[in-house]
Amino acid sequence: MFKLIVLFLFLIILASLGSSLFFLIRDKGKTTRPVKALTLRISASIALFVLLIAGYFAGLIQPHGLYPDRPSAVQSGELSE
């Protein structure tokens, strides 16, 4: 369920970005529709960021490195003094 909410917010961000570009070209800057669409994009981006942070602290998502199968240098002791 968490991944679906993240995907939904990401799709809202992309749709809002596309619609603001469309309104900017179509209305030639005479209306406030592009500003409203970009405001929606910023709001959705902030909501997505907060949701990801909350998901991390709630344990719903776990970070991984670039190479999740290989232990990091800190864990293997390569960086010990």
C-alpha atoms as a PDB file:
ATOM      1  CA  MET A   1       0.000   0.000   0.000  1.00  0.00           C
ATOM      2  CA  PHE A   2       2.863   2.367   0.820  1.00  0.00           C
ATOM      3  CA  LYS A   3       4.458   1.866  -2.589  1.00  0.00           C
ATOM      4  CA  LEU A   4       1.158   2.581  -4.325  1.00  0.00           C
ATOM      5  CA  ILE A   5       0.802   5.881  -2.479  1.00  0.00           C
ATOM      6  CA  VAL A   6       4.361   6.853  -3.425  1.00  0.00           C
ATOM      7  CA  LEU A   7       3.708   5.917  -7.050  1.00  0.00           C
ATOM      8  CA  PHE A   8       0.428   7.862  -7.056  1.00  0.00           C
ATOM      9  CA  LEU A   9       2.123  10.994  -5.697  1.00  0.00           C
ATOM     10  CA  PHE A  10       4.918  10.635  -8.246  1.00  0.00           C
ATOM     11  CA  LEU A  11       2.359  10.401 -11.069  1.00  0.00           C
ATOM     12  CA  ILE A  12       0.583  13.495  -9.732  1.00  0.00           C
ATOM     13  CA  ILE A  13       3.896  15.358  -9.787  1.00  0.00           C
ATOM     14  CA  LEU A  14       4.570  14.371 -13.403  1.00  0.00           C
ATOM     15  CA  ALA A  15       1.013  15.148 -14.540  1.00  0.00           C
ATOM     16  CA  SER A  16       1.086  18.534 -12.846  1.00  0.00           C
ATOM     17  CA  LEU A  17       4.412  19.377 -14.441  1.00  0.00           C
ATOM     18  CA  GLY A  18       3.089  18.424 -17.880  1.00  0.00           C
ATOM     19  CA  SER A  19      -0.148  20.341 -17.436  1.00  0.00           C
ATOM     20  CA  SER A  20       1.698  23.466 -16.309  1.00  0.00           C
ATOM     21  CA  LEU A  21       3.838  23.331 -19.454  1.00  0.00           C
ATOM     22  CA  PHE A  22       0.713  22.822 -21.570  1.00  0.00           C
ATOM     23  CA  PHE A  23      -1.085  25.756 -19.924  1.00  0.00           C
ATOM     24  CA  LEU A  24       1.989  27.968 -20.221  1.00  0.00           C
ATOM     25  CA  ILE A  25       2.218  27.343 -23.971  1.00  0.00           C
ATOM     26  CA  ARG A  26      -1.528  27.443 -24.637  1.00  0.00           C
ATOM     27  CA  ASP A  27      -2.439  30.502 -22.547  1.00  0.00           C
ATOM     28  CA  LYS A  28       0.762  32.399 -23.413  1.00  0.00           C
ATOM     29  CA  GLY A  29       1.164  33.530 -19.803  1.00  0.00           C
ATOM     30  CA  LYS A  30      -2.175  35.365 -19.605  1.00  0.00           C
ATOM     31  CA  THR A  31      -3.781  33.153 -16.957  1.00  0.00           C
ATOM     32  CA  THR A  32      -2.733  31.776 -13.590  1.00  0.00           C
ATOM     33  CA  ARG A  33      -3.312  28.117 -14.511  1.00  0.00           C
ATOM     34  CA  PRO A  34       0.412  27.311 -14.853  1.00  0.00           C
ATOM     35  CA  VAL A  35       1.063  28.799 -11.413  1.00  0.00           C
ATOM     36  CA  LYS A  36      -1.730  26.721  -9.884  1.00  0.00           C
ATOM     37  CA  ALA A  37      -0.406  23.556 -11.551  1.00  0.00           C
ATOM     38  CA  LEU A  38       3.121  24.249 -10.314  1.00  0.00           C
ATOM     39  CA  THR A  39       1.770  24.946  -6.819  1.00  0.00           C
ATOM     40  CA  LEU A  40       0.113  21.526  -6.909  1.00  0.00           C
ATOM     41  CA  ARG A  41       3.420  19.986  -8.026  1.00  0.00           C
ATOM     42  CA  ILE A  42       5.326  21.595  -5.180  1.00  0.00           C
ATOM     43  CA  SER A  43       2.687  20.500  -2.661  1.00  0.00           C
ATOM     44  CA  ALA A  44       2.774  16.933  -3.959  1.00  0.00           C
ATOM     45  CA  SER A  45       6.583  16.930  -3.877  1.00  0.00           C
ATOM     46  CA  ILE A  46       6.618  18.073  -0.257  1.00  0.00           C
ATOM     47  CA  ALA A  47       3.981  15.464   0.621  1.00  0.00           C
ATOM     48  CA  LEU A  48       6.056  12.756  -1.077  1.00  0.00           C
ATOM     49  CA  PHE A  49       9.198  13.833   0.772  1.00  0.00           C
ATOM     50  CA  VAL A  50       7.411  13.825   4.131  1.00  0.00           C
ATOM     51  CA  LEU A  51       5.845  10.448   3.344  1.00  0.00           C
ATOM     52  CA  LEU A  52       9.233   8.934   2.482  1.00  0.00           C
ATOM     53  CA  ILE A  53      10.800  10.272   5.672  1.00  0.00           C
ATOM     54  CA  ALA A  54       7.856   8.984   7.739  1.00  0.00           C
ATOM     55  CA  GLY A  55       8.062   5.605   5.979  1.00  0.00           C
ATOM     56  CA  TYR A  56      11.751   5.362   6.799  1.00  0.00           C
ATOM     57  CA  PHE A  57      11.245   6.131  10.482  1.00  0.00           C
ATOM     58  CA  ALA A  58       8.243   3.779  10.666  1.00  0.00           C
ATOM     59  CA  GLY A  59      10.331   0.981   9.162  1.00  0.00           C
ATOM     60  CA  LEU A  60       8.239   0.653   6.010  1.00  0.00           C
ATOM     61  CA  ILE A  61      11.212   1.270   3.732  1.00  0.00           C
ATOM     62  CA  GLN A  62      14.852   0.364   4.232  1.00  0.00           C
ATOM     63  CA  PRO A  63      17.739   2.120   2.492  1.00  0.00           C
ATOM     64  CA  HIS A  64      20.323   0.119   0.625  1.00  0.00           C
ATOM     65  CA  GLY A  65      23.616   1.036  -0.974  1.00  0.00           C
ATOM     66  CA  LEU A  66      24.653   0.901  -4.581  1.00  0.00           C
ATOM     67  CA  TYR A  67      25.766  -2.695  -4.107  1.00  0.00           C
ATOM     68  CA  PRO A  68      23.370  -4.285  -1.598  1.00  0.00           C
ATOM     69  CA  ASP A  69      25.048  -7.728  -1.857  1.00  0.00           C
ATOM     70  CA  ARG A  70      28.490  -6.407  -0.890  1.00  0.00           C
ATOM     71  CA  PRO A  71      29.163  -5.171   2.672  1.00  0.00           C
ATOM     72  CA  SER A  72      30.178  -1.557   3.002  1.00  0.00           C
ATOM     73  CA  ALA A  73      33.728  -0.503   3.848  1.00  0.00           C
ATOM     74  CA  VAL A  74      32.669   0.638   7.310  1.00  0.00           C
ATOM     75  CA  GLN A  75      31.010  -2.695   8.139  1.00  0.00           C
ATOM     76  CA  SER A  76      33.927  -4.779   6.889  1.00  0.00           C
ATOM     77  CA  GLY A  77      36.520  -2.765   8.824  1.00  0.00           C
ATOM     78  CA  GLU A  78      38.418  -1.438   5.798  1.00  0.00           C
ATOM     79  CA  LEU A  79      38.198   2.104   7.121  1.00  0.00           C
ATOM     80  CA  SER A  80      39.352   1.358  10.637  1.00  0.00           C
ATOM     81  CA  GLU A  81      42.205   3.461  11.955  1.00  0.00           C
END
